[in-house]
Amino acid sequence: MRRGGGLIATIEAMVHIGERLRRLREERALRQEDLAKLAGIGKNTVNRIEKNRTEPHMTTIRKLADALKVDPADLVRGE
């Protein structure tokens, strides 16, 4: 564990990204497969991000944000 809560802050950010991604996808009545196709990424990648099993690279976040028609910052930051 890193000092200063770095590790914990990273884990919390991942959780929020996954929850937010799933909520935005569901608000648009999209399946994970639909979002993956729109974003040009794999369905398994969408699934892993939503379940917080992986932390997406910024390029992936941009692709997902474009597909969902939101600003990438809205996907990453807290509400």
N, C-alpha and C. Protein backbone atom coordinates (compact mmCIF):
# COMPACT_ATOMS: atom_id res chain seq x y z
N MET A 1 0.84 -1.18 0.00
CA MET A 1 0.00 0.00 0.00
C MET A 1 0.88 1.24 0.00
N ARG A 2 0.51 2.21 -0.80
CA ARG A 2 1.26 3.46 -0.88
C ARG A 2 0.84 4.41 0.24
N ARG A 3 1.78 5.26 0.61
CA ARG A 3 1.46 6.27 1.63
C ARG A 3 0.57 7.35 1.03
N GLY A 4 -0.16 8.00 1.89
CA GLY A 4 -0.98 9.12 1.45
C GLY A 4 -2.28 8.69 0.80
N GLY A 5 -2.64 7.42 0.90
CA GLY A 5 -3.91 6.96 0.37
C GLY A 5 -3.96 6.83 -1.14
N GLY A 6 -2.81 6.83 -1.81
CA GLY A 6 -2.78 6.74 -3.27
C GLY A 6 -3.47 5.51 -3.79
N LEU A 7 -3.18 4.36 -3.20
CA LEU A 7 -3.77 3.11 -3.65
C LEU A 7 -5.28 3.13 -3.44
N ILE A 8 -5.71 3.56 -2.28
CA ILE A 8 -7.13 3.59 -1.97
C ILE A 8 -7.86 4.56 -2.90
N ALA A 9 -7.27 5.71 -3.16
CA ALA A 9 -7.89 6.68 -4.05
C ALA A 9 -8.04 6.11 -5.45
N THR A 10 -7.06 5.35 -5.92
CA THR A 10 -7.13 4.73 -7.24
C THR A 10 -8.26 3.72 -7.28
N ILE A 11 -8.38 2.89 -6.27
CA ILE A 11 -9.44 1.89 -6.23
C ILE A 11 -10.80 2.56 -6.24
N GLU A 12 -10.97 3.61 -5.44
CA GLU A 12 -12.25 4.31 -5.40
C GLU A 12 -12.58 4.92 -6.76
N ALA A 13 -11.60 5.46 -7.45
CA ALA A 13 -11.84 6.04 -8.76
C ALA A 13 -12.30 4.98 -9.74
N MET A 14 -11.70 3.81 -9.68
CA MET A 14 -12.10 2.72 -10.56
C MET A 14 -13.56 2.34 -10.31
N VAL A 15 -13.95 2.23 -9.06
CA VAL A 15 -15.32 1.88 -8.72
C VAL A 15 -16.27 2.90 -9.33
N HIS A 16 -15.96 4.17 -9.17
CA HIS A 16 -16.84 5.21 -9.67
C HIS A 16 -16.91 5.21 -11.20
N ILE A 17 -15.82 4.90 -11.86
CA ILE A 17 -15.85 4.84 -13.32
C ILE A 17 -16.77 3.72 -13.77
N GLY A 18 -16.66 2.56 -13.13
CA GLY A 18 -17.49 1.41 -13.50
C GLY A 18 -18.96 1.67 -13.29
N GLU A 19 -19.30 2.21 -12.15
CA GLU A 19 -20.71 2.50 -11.84
C GLU A 19 -21.27 3.55 -12.80
N ARG A 20 -20.48 4.60 -13.04
CA ARG A 20 -20.93 5.68 -13.92
C ARG A 20 -21.10 5.19 -15.35
N LEU A 21 -20.14 4.39 -15.80
CA LEU A 21 -20.21 3.85 -17.16
C LEU A 21 -21.48 3.01 -17.33
N ARG A 22 -21.74 2.14 -16.38
CA ARG A 22 -22.93 1.29 -16.47
C ARG A 22 -24.21 2.12 -16.46
N ARG A 23 -24.27 3.13 -15.59
CA ARG A 23 -25.47 3.98 -15.51
C ARG A 23 -25.70 4.72 -16.83
N LEU A 24 -24.64 5.31 -17.37
CA LEU A 24 -24.78 6.04 -18.64
C LEU A 24 -25.19 5.10 -19.78
N ARG A 25 -24.61 3.91 -19.80
CA ARG A 25 -24.96 2.94 -20.84
C ARG A 25 -26.43 2.54 -20.72
N GLU A 26 -26.87 2.24 -19.51
CA GLU A 26 -28.26 1.82 -19.30
C GLU A 26 -29.24 2.95 -19.58
N GLU A 27 -28.88 4.20 -19.25
CA GLU A 27 -29.74 5.35 -19.55
C GLU A 27 -30.00 5.48 -21.05
N ARG A 28 -29.05 5.00 -21.84
CA ARG A 28 -29.17 5.07 -23.30
C ARG A 28 -29.71 3.77 -23.90
N ALA A 29 -30.16 2.87 -23.03
CA ALA A 29 -30.73 1.58 -23.44
C ALA A 29 -29.77 0.79 -24.34
N LEU A 30 -28.49 0.82 -23.98
CA LEU A 30 -27.48 0.09 -24.75
C LEU A 30 -27.06 -1.16 -23.99
N ARG A 31 -26.82 -2.22 -24.73
CA ARG A 31 -26.21 -3.41 -24.15
C ARG A 31 -24.70 -3.18 -24.15
N GLN A 32 -23.99 -3.95 -23.35
CA GLN A 32 -22.53 -3.84 -23.35
C GLN A 32 -21.99 -4.05 -24.76
N GLU A 33 -22.54 -4.98 -25.48
CA GLU A 33 -22.11 -5.26 -26.85
C GLU A 33 -22.33 -4.05 -27.76
N ASP A 34 -23.46 -3.37 -27.58
CA ASP A 34 -23.75 -2.17 -28.38
C ASP A 34 -22.73 -1.07 -28.11
N LEU A 35 -22.47 -0.81 -26.82
CA LEU A 35 -21.50 0.22 -26.46
C LEU A 35 -20.11 -0.13 -26.98
N ALA A 36 -19.74 -1.37 -26.84
CA ALA A 36 -18.42 -1.81 -27.32
C ALA A 36 -18.27 -1.54 -28.81
N LYS A 37 -19.30 -1.86 -29.57
CA LYS A 37 -19.25 -1.65 -31.02
C LYS A 37 -19.16 -0.15 -31.35
N LEU A 38 -19.98 0.65 -30.67
CA LEU A 38 -19.95 2.10 -30.91
C LEU A 38 -18.59 2.71 -30.56
N ALA A 39 -17.96 2.18 -29.51
CA ALA A 39 -16.68 2.72 -29.05
C ALA A 39 -15.48 2.09 -29.76
N GLY A 40 -15.72 1.00 -30.47
CA GLY A 40 -14.62 0.33 -31.15
C GLY A 40 -13.69 -0.43 -30.20
N ILE A 41 -14.29 -0.96 -29.13
CA ILE A 41 -13.52 -1.77 -28.18
C ILE A 41 -14.23 -3.10 -27.97
N GLY A 42 -13.61 -4.00 -27.26
CA GLY A 42 -14.20 -5.31 -27.04
C GLY A 42 -15.29 -5.30 -25.98
N LYS A 43 -16.27 -6.18 -26.16
CA LYS A 43 -17.35 -6.30 -25.19
C LYS A 43 -16.80 -6.70 -23.82
N ASN A 44 -15.79 -7.57 -23.81
CA ASN A 44 -15.20 -7.98 -22.55
C ASN A 44 -14.53 -6.81 -21.84
N THR A 45 -14.01 -5.86 -22.60
CA THR A 45 -13.39 -4.67 -22.00
C THR A 45 -14.45 -3.85 -21.28
N VAL A 46 -15.59 -3.64 -21.92
CA VAL A 46 -16.69 -2.90 -21.29
C VAL A 46 -17.11 -3.62 -20.01
N ASN A 47 -17.25 -4.91 -20.08
CA ASN A 47 -17.66 -5.70 -18.92
C ASN A 47 -16.66 -5.57 -17.78
N ARG A 48 -15.38 -5.68 -18.07
CA ARG A 48 -14.34 -5.59 -17.03
C ARG A 48 -14.29 -4.20 -16.40
N ILE A 49 -14.50 -3.16 -17.21
CA ILE A 49 -14.50 -1.80 -16.67
C ILE A 49 -15.70 -1.60 -15.75
N GLU A 50 -16.86 -2.04 -16.19
CA GLU A 50 -18.07 -1.88 -15.38
C GLU A 50 -17.98 -2.65 -14.06
N LYS A 51 -17.30 -3.78 -14.09
CA LYS A 51 -17.16 -4.60 -12.87
C LYS A 51 -15.91 -4.23 -12.09
N ASN A 52 -15.23 -3.17 -12.52
CA ASN A 52 -14.05 -2.66 -11.84
C ASN A 52 -12.93 -3.69 -11.74
N ARG A 53 -12.82 -4.49 -12.77
CA ARG A 53 -11.75 -5.49 -12.82
C ARG A 53 -10.52 -4.96 -13.55
N THR A 54 -10.67 -3.81 -14.18
CA THR A 54 -9.55 -3.17 -14.88
C THR A 54 -9.74 -1.67 -14.85
N GLU A 55 -8.66 -0.96 -14.91
CA GLU A 55 -8.72 0.49 -14.99
C GLU A 55 -8.45 0.88 -16.44
N PRO A 56 -9.39 1.55 -17.08
CA PRO A 56 -9.23 1.86 -18.50
C PRO A 56 -8.16 2.91 -18.76
N HIS A 57 -7.48 2.78 -19.89
CA HIS A 57 -6.55 3.80 -20.34
C HIS A 57 -7.35 5.02 -20.78
N MET A 58 -6.71 6.16 -20.82
CA MET A 58 -7.41 7.39 -21.21
C MET A 58 -7.96 7.30 -22.62
N THR A 59 -7.27 6.61 -23.52
CA THR A 59 -7.79 6.47 -24.88
C THR A 59 -9.10 5.69 -24.88
N THR A 60 -9.21 4.69 -24.04
CA THR A 60 -10.45 3.92 -23.93
C THR A 60 -11.55 4.78 -23.33
N ILE A 61 -11.22 5.57 -22.33
CA ILE A 61 -12.21 6.46 -21.73
C ILE A 61 -12.74 7.44 -22.78
N ARG A 62 -11.85 7.98 -23.62
CA ARG A 62 -12.28 8.89 -24.69
C ARG A 62 -13.22 8.19 -25.66
N LYS A 63 -12.90 6.98 -26.05
CA LYS A 63 -13.75 6.23 -26.98
C LYS A 63 -15.13 5.98 -26.37
N LEU A 64 -15.15 5.59 -25.10
CA LEU A 64 -16.43 5.35 -24.43
C LEU A 64 -17.23 6.64 -24.30
N ALA A 65 -16.57 7.73 -23.95
CA ALA A 65 -17.24 9.02 -23.82
C ALA A 65 -17.83 9.47 -25.15
N ASP A 66 -17.07 9.30 -26.22
CA ASP A 66 -17.57 9.66 -27.56
C ASP A 66 -18.81 8.83 -27.90
N ALA A 67 -18.75 7.54 -27.62
CA ALA A 67 -19.87 6.65 -27.92
C ALA A 67 -21.11 7.02 -27.11
N LEU A 68 -20.90 7.48 -25.88
CA LEU A 68 -22.02 7.85 -25.00
C LEU A 68 -22.41 9.31 -25.15
N LYS A 69 -21.65 10.06 -25.98
CA LYS A 69 -21.90 11.48 -26.21
C LYS A 69 -21.83 12.30 -24.92
N VAL A 70 -20.76 12.03 -24.16
CA VAL A 70 -20.47 12.81 -22.96
C VAL A 70 -19.01 13.25 -23.02
N ASP A 71 -18.67 14.22 -22.22
CA ASP A 71 -17.28 14.65 -22.10
C ASP A 71 -16.53 13.60 -21.30
N PRO A 72 -15.30 13.26 -21.69
CA PRO A 72 -14.53 12.25 -20.93
C PRO A 72 -14.42 12.61 -19.44
N ALA A 73 -14.32 13.88 -19.13
CA ALA A 73 -14.22 14.29 -17.71
C ALA A 73 -15.48 13.90 -16.94
N ASP A 74 -16.64 13.93 -17.60
CA ASP A 74 -17.88 13.54 -16.92
C ASP A 74 -17.89 12.06 -16.58
N LEU A 75 -17.19 11.27 -17.36
CA LEU A 75 -17.12 9.84 -17.12
C LEU A 75 -16.17 9.54 -15.96
N VAL A 76 -15.15 10.35 -15.81
CA VAL A 76 -14.09 10.07 -14.83
C VAL A 76 -14.34 10.71 -13.47
N ARG A 77 -14.78 11.94 -13.45
CA ARG A 77 -14.87 12.65 -12.17
C ARG A 77 -16.18 12.33 -11.43
N GLY A 78 -16.16 12.62 -10.15
CA GLY A 78 -17.34 12.42 -9.33
C GLY A 78 -18.39 13.46 -9.64
N GLU A 79 -19.61 13.13 -9.28
CA GLU A 79 -20.72 14.05 -9.56
C GLU A 79 -20.96 14.97 -8.39
